Protein backbone atom coordinates (compact mmCIF):
# COMPACT_ATOMS: atom_id res chain seq x y z
CA MET A 1 37.34 -79.96 -189.28
CA THR A 2 34.62 -81.88 -191.14
CA ALA A 3 34.55 -85.39 -190.21
CA ALA A 4 34.48 -88.21 -193.31
CA PRO A 5 30.87 -89.58 -194.33
CA SER A 6 29.82 -92.30 -192.37
CA SER A 7 26.18 -93.25 -191.17
CA GLY A 8 24.43 -94.85 -187.92
CA PRO A 9 24.43 -93.15 -184.60
CA VAL A 10 27.55 -90.98 -182.91
CA LEU A 11 28.91 -91.79 -179.71
CA VAL A 12 30.41 -88.91 -177.65
CA LEU A 13 32.05 -89.63 -174.49
CA PRO A 14 33.51 -87.84 -171.39
CA SER A 15 37.18 -86.84 -171.10
CA ASP A 16 39.35 -90.00 -171.03
CA PRO A 17 42.96 -89.28 -170.10
CA GLY A 18 44.44 -91.65 -171.59
CA TRP A 19 43.40 -90.85 -175.46
CA VAL A 20 46.78 -88.29 -174.99
CA ARG A 21 49.00 -91.47 -174.30
CA LEU A 22 47.40 -93.05 -176.81
CA GLY A 23 47.84 -89.82 -179.36
CA ALA A 24 51.34 -90.25 -178.40
CA GLY A 25 52.11 -94.02 -179.55
CA VAL A 26 50.15 -93.47 -183.09
CA VAL A 27 52.29 -90.01 -183.84
CA GLY A 28 55.10 -92.29 -183.20
CA GLU A 29 53.50 -95.15 -185.33
CA LEU A 30 52.90 -92.71 -188.35
CA VAL A 31 56.55 -90.96 -187.98
CA GLY A 32 57.87 -94.71 -188.66
CA VAL A 33 55.54 -95.03 -191.60
CA PHE A 34 56.08 -91.50 -193.17
CA GLY A 35 59.79 -90.82 -192.33
CA GLU A 36 61.29 -87.68 -193.48
CA SER A 37 58.40 -87.12 -195.73
CA ALA A 38 56.17 -86.18 -192.59
CA LEU A 39 57.19 -82.27 -191.80
CA PHE A 40 55.15 -82.48 -189.22
CA VAL A 41 52.78 -84.98 -187.38
CA ASP A 42 50.10 -83.83 -184.62
CA HIS A 43 47.42 -85.72 -183.13
CA ILE A 44 44.95 -82.86 -183.02
CA GLY A 45 41.08 -82.55 -181.95
CA SER A 46 38.72 -82.97 -179.25
CA THR A 47 40.82 -86.32 -177.86
CA ALA A 48 44.20 -83.83 -177.87
CA ILE A 49 42.45 -81.21 -175.68
CA PRO A 50 42.27 -82.18 -171.93
CA GLY A 51 39.06 -82.37 -170.48
CA MET A 52 36.96 -82.25 -173.64
CA ALA A 53 34.16 -84.92 -174.34
CA ALA A 54 34.46 -86.44 -177.47
CA LYS A 55 33.78 -89.40 -180.16
CA PRO A 56 36.33 -92.23 -178.60
CA VAL A 57 38.54 -91.90 -182.66
CA LEU A 58 41.53 -90.53 -182.25
CA ASP A 59 42.20 -87.73 -185.10
CA LEU A 60 46.14 -87.53 -186.56
CA GLN A 61 47.46 -84.84 -188.44
CA VAL A 62 50.32 -85.87 -190.96
CA ALA A 63 52.06 -82.06 -192.75
CA VAL A 64 53.56 -83.57 -196.26
CA ALA A 65 54.63 -81.37 -199.23
CA ASP A 66 52.60 -82.98 -201.70
CA LEU A 67 49.43 -84.73 -201.24
CA ALA A 68 49.60 -86.93 -204.51
CA GLU A 69 53.07 -88.46 -203.69
CA ALA A 70 51.97 -88.77 -200.39
CA GLU A 71 48.69 -90.99 -201.54
CA ARG A 72 51.09 -93.02 -203.63
CA ARG A 73 54.22 -94.14 -201.25
CA PHE A 74 51.81 -94.66 -198.09
CA ALA A 75 48.49 -96.36 -198.92
CA GLY A 76 49.97 -99.65 -198.92
CA PRO A 77 52.29 -99.01 -195.97
CA LEU A 78 49.37 -97.48 -194.04
CA ALA A 79 47.00 -100.40 -195.40
CA GLU A 80 49.14 -102.79 -193.51
CA LEU A 81 48.43 -100.94 -190.23
CA GLY A 82 44.64 -100.99 -190.99
CA PHE A 83 43.97 -97.84 -191.99
CA ASP A 84 41.55 -97.54 -194.97
CA GLY A 85 41.87 -94.86 -197.60
CA LEU A 86 38.41 -92.91 -198.24
CA PRO A 87 37.46 -90.51 -200.86
CA TYR A 88 37.00 -87.67 -198.71
CA ARG A 89 39.28 -84.77 -200.28
CA TYR A 90 38.44 -81.60 -199.01
CA ASP A 91 38.25 -79.92 -195.72
CA HIS A 92 35.00 -77.60 -194.92
CA VAL A 93 35.95 -73.87 -195.25
CA PRO A 94 34.99 -71.85 -192.67
CA ALA A 95 32.09 -69.66 -193.54
CA GLY A 96 33.09 -66.00 -194.57
CA VAL A 97 36.29 -67.45 -195.73
CA ASP A 98 36.85 -66.64 -199.39
CA ASP A 99 39.10 -69.03 -200.68
CA ASP A 100 39.89 -71.67 -203.30
CA PRO A 101 38.62 -74.90 -202.15
CA GLU A 102 42.08 -76.87 -203.58
CA ARG A 103 43.75 -75.53 -200.70
CA TRP A 104 41.28 -76.85 -198.18
CA ALA A 105 42.37 -80.34 -200.27
CA LYS A 106 43.65 -83.67 -197.94
CA ARG A 107 43.90 -87.31 -198.31
CA PHE A 108 42.22 -89.18 -195.31
CA TRP A 109 42.60 -92.83 -194.27
CA ARG A 110 40.50 -94.29 -191.19
CA ARG A 111 41.14 -97.16 -189.00
CA ARG A 112 38.80 -99.35 -187.16
CA GLY A 113 38.44 -102.35 -184.88
CA HIS A 114 42.27 -103.22 -185.58
CA PRO A 115 44.29 -105.27 -183.79
CA ALA A 116 47.39 -102.83 -184.80
CA GLY A 117 46.06 -99.63 -182.81
CA PRO A 118 42.85 -97.38 -181.91
CA ASP A 119 40.48 -96.22 -184.06
CA CYS A 120 41.67 -93.31 -185.72
CA ASN A 121 40.99 -90.46 -188.40
CA LEU A 122 44.39 -89.49 -190.26
CA HIS A 123 44.00 -86.58 -191.85
CA VAL A 124 47.06 -86.01 -194.51
CA ARG A 125 47.32 -82.02 -194.77
CA VAL A 126 49.68 -79.54 -197.44
CA ALA A 127 52.14 -78.48 -194.60
CA GLY A 128 51.80 -74.55 -194.42
CA GLY A 129 48.29 -74.69 -196.44
CA PRO A 130 44.98 -73.59 -194.39
CA ASN A 131 43.05 -76.40 -193.12
CA THR A 132 46.45 -77.70 -191.27
CA ARG A 133 47.00 -74.19 -189.23
CA LEU A 134 43.01 -74.31 -188.63
CA ALA A 135 43.46 -78.00 -187.04
CA LEU A 136 46.22 -76.72 -184.75
CA LEU A 137 45.13 -73.03 -184.00
CA PHE A 138 41.61 -74.92 -182.70
CA ARG A 139 43.14 -77.78 -180.51
CA ASP A 140 45.72 -74.82 -178.89
CA TRP A 141 43.27 -72.63 -178.24
CA PHE A 142 40.66 -74.66 -176.39
CA ARG A 143 44.46 -75.60 -174.58
CA HIS A 144 44.92 -72.22 -173.58
CA HIS A 145 41.51 -71.66 -172.77
CA PRO A 146 40.14 -74.32 -170.12
CA GLU A 147 37.70 -72.54 -168.99
CA ALA A 148 35.75 -72.72 -172.41
CA VAL A 149 35.80 -76.71 -172.76
CA PRO A 150 32.79 -77.26 -170.83
CA ALA A 151 30.39 -75.70 -173.11
CA TYR A 152 31.88 -76.88 -176.04
CA ALA A 153 32.19 -80.54 -174.68
CA ARG A 154 28.16 -80.47 -173.10
CA PHE A 155 27.37 -78.62 -177.26
CA LYS A 156 28.63 -81.93 -178.53
CA SER A 157 26.90 -84.23 -176.25
CA LEU A 158 23.64 -82.54 -176.53
CA LEU A 159 24.43 -82.28 -180.58
CA ALA A 160 25.35 -86.20 -180.77
CA ASP A 161 22.08 -87.01 -178.76
CA ALA A 162 19.69 -85.37 -181.38
CA VAL A 163 21.21 -86.39 -184.57
CA PRO A 164 20.80 -90.02 -186.20
CA ASP A 165 24.41 -89.88 -187.76
CA LEU A 166 27.51 -88.27 -188.31
CA ASP A 167 26.42 -86.33 -191.68
CA GLY A 168 24.27 -84.51 -189.42
CA TYR A 169 26.76 -83.79 -186.61
CA ALA A 170 29.31 -82.55 -188.76
CA ASP A 171 26.77 -80.39 -190.87
CA VAL A 172 25.89 -78.51 -187.04
CA LYS A 173 29.53 -78.52 -185.30
CA ASP A 174 31.02 -77.14 -188.56
CA PRO A 175 29.71 -73.64 -188.04
CA VAL A 176 30.30 -73.93 -184.23
CA VAL A 177 33.85 -74.39 -185.34
CA ASP A 178 34.02 -71.86 -187.12
CA LEU A 179 33.03 -69.50 -184.37
CA VAL A 180 35.59 -71.09 -182.20
CA ILE A 181 37.87 -70.22 -184.73
CA ALA A 182 36.81 -67.14 -185.22
CA VAL A 183 37.25 -66.06 -181.42
CA ALA A 184 40.73 -67.89 -181.90
CA GLU A 185 42.31 -66.22 -184.93
CA PRO A 186 42.48 -62.56 -182.45
CA TRP A 187 43.44 -64.67 -179.86
CA ALA A 188 47.11 -66.09 -182.22
CA ALA A 189 47.41 -62.55 -183.44
CA ALA A 190 47.98 -61.09 -180.06
CA THR A 191 49.82 -63.55 -178.46
CA GLY A 192 52.11 -64.48 -181.64
CA TRP A 193 50.37 -68.15 -181.70
CA ALA A 194 52.00 -70.17 -184.66
CA PRO A 195 51.75 -73.78 -185.71
CA HIS A 196 55.24 -75.70 -183.82
CA ALA A 197 56.12 -72.70 -182.44
CA ARG A 198 58.29 -73.37 -179.36
């Protein structure tokens, strides 16, 4: 869940119902770019959770079979849509999880201030990978537990005011995401939740 390295103050805004509509538009845009190479394309993160305060940046996830191939084939088309590739290649491995960091690899693009569309973080991850699953579990647990949204939203707003930049924000937020996942996993097991289950 870790954000890309950055500097400058962190802006967390109250929930905007328009984020869901914008996210659906970018999902369609990415489906057009990746075609059949995209096994799944999802709007993830706080802007995909009703009522959640968030940075005004949409997080999108594209699940692919091969990261290197996706980077090779789609860096050019993504650049045409204003997405800049960044050298951020690994997600945070949750505390207490003894796993090979390579299983948490990804490719990351960012779009900011571009006329082609809204500001976005694009996480390209391996379909079936633990980081791909975690992003969806985080989103879906909050969607099914709206009573937890105000507390997490308040935490993020206070944290944004307390740290100088996005690096510090991510360093503090990652362990709290770990706590959310620790609660979400028993819920997933009890309900039979699975990514993209209908």
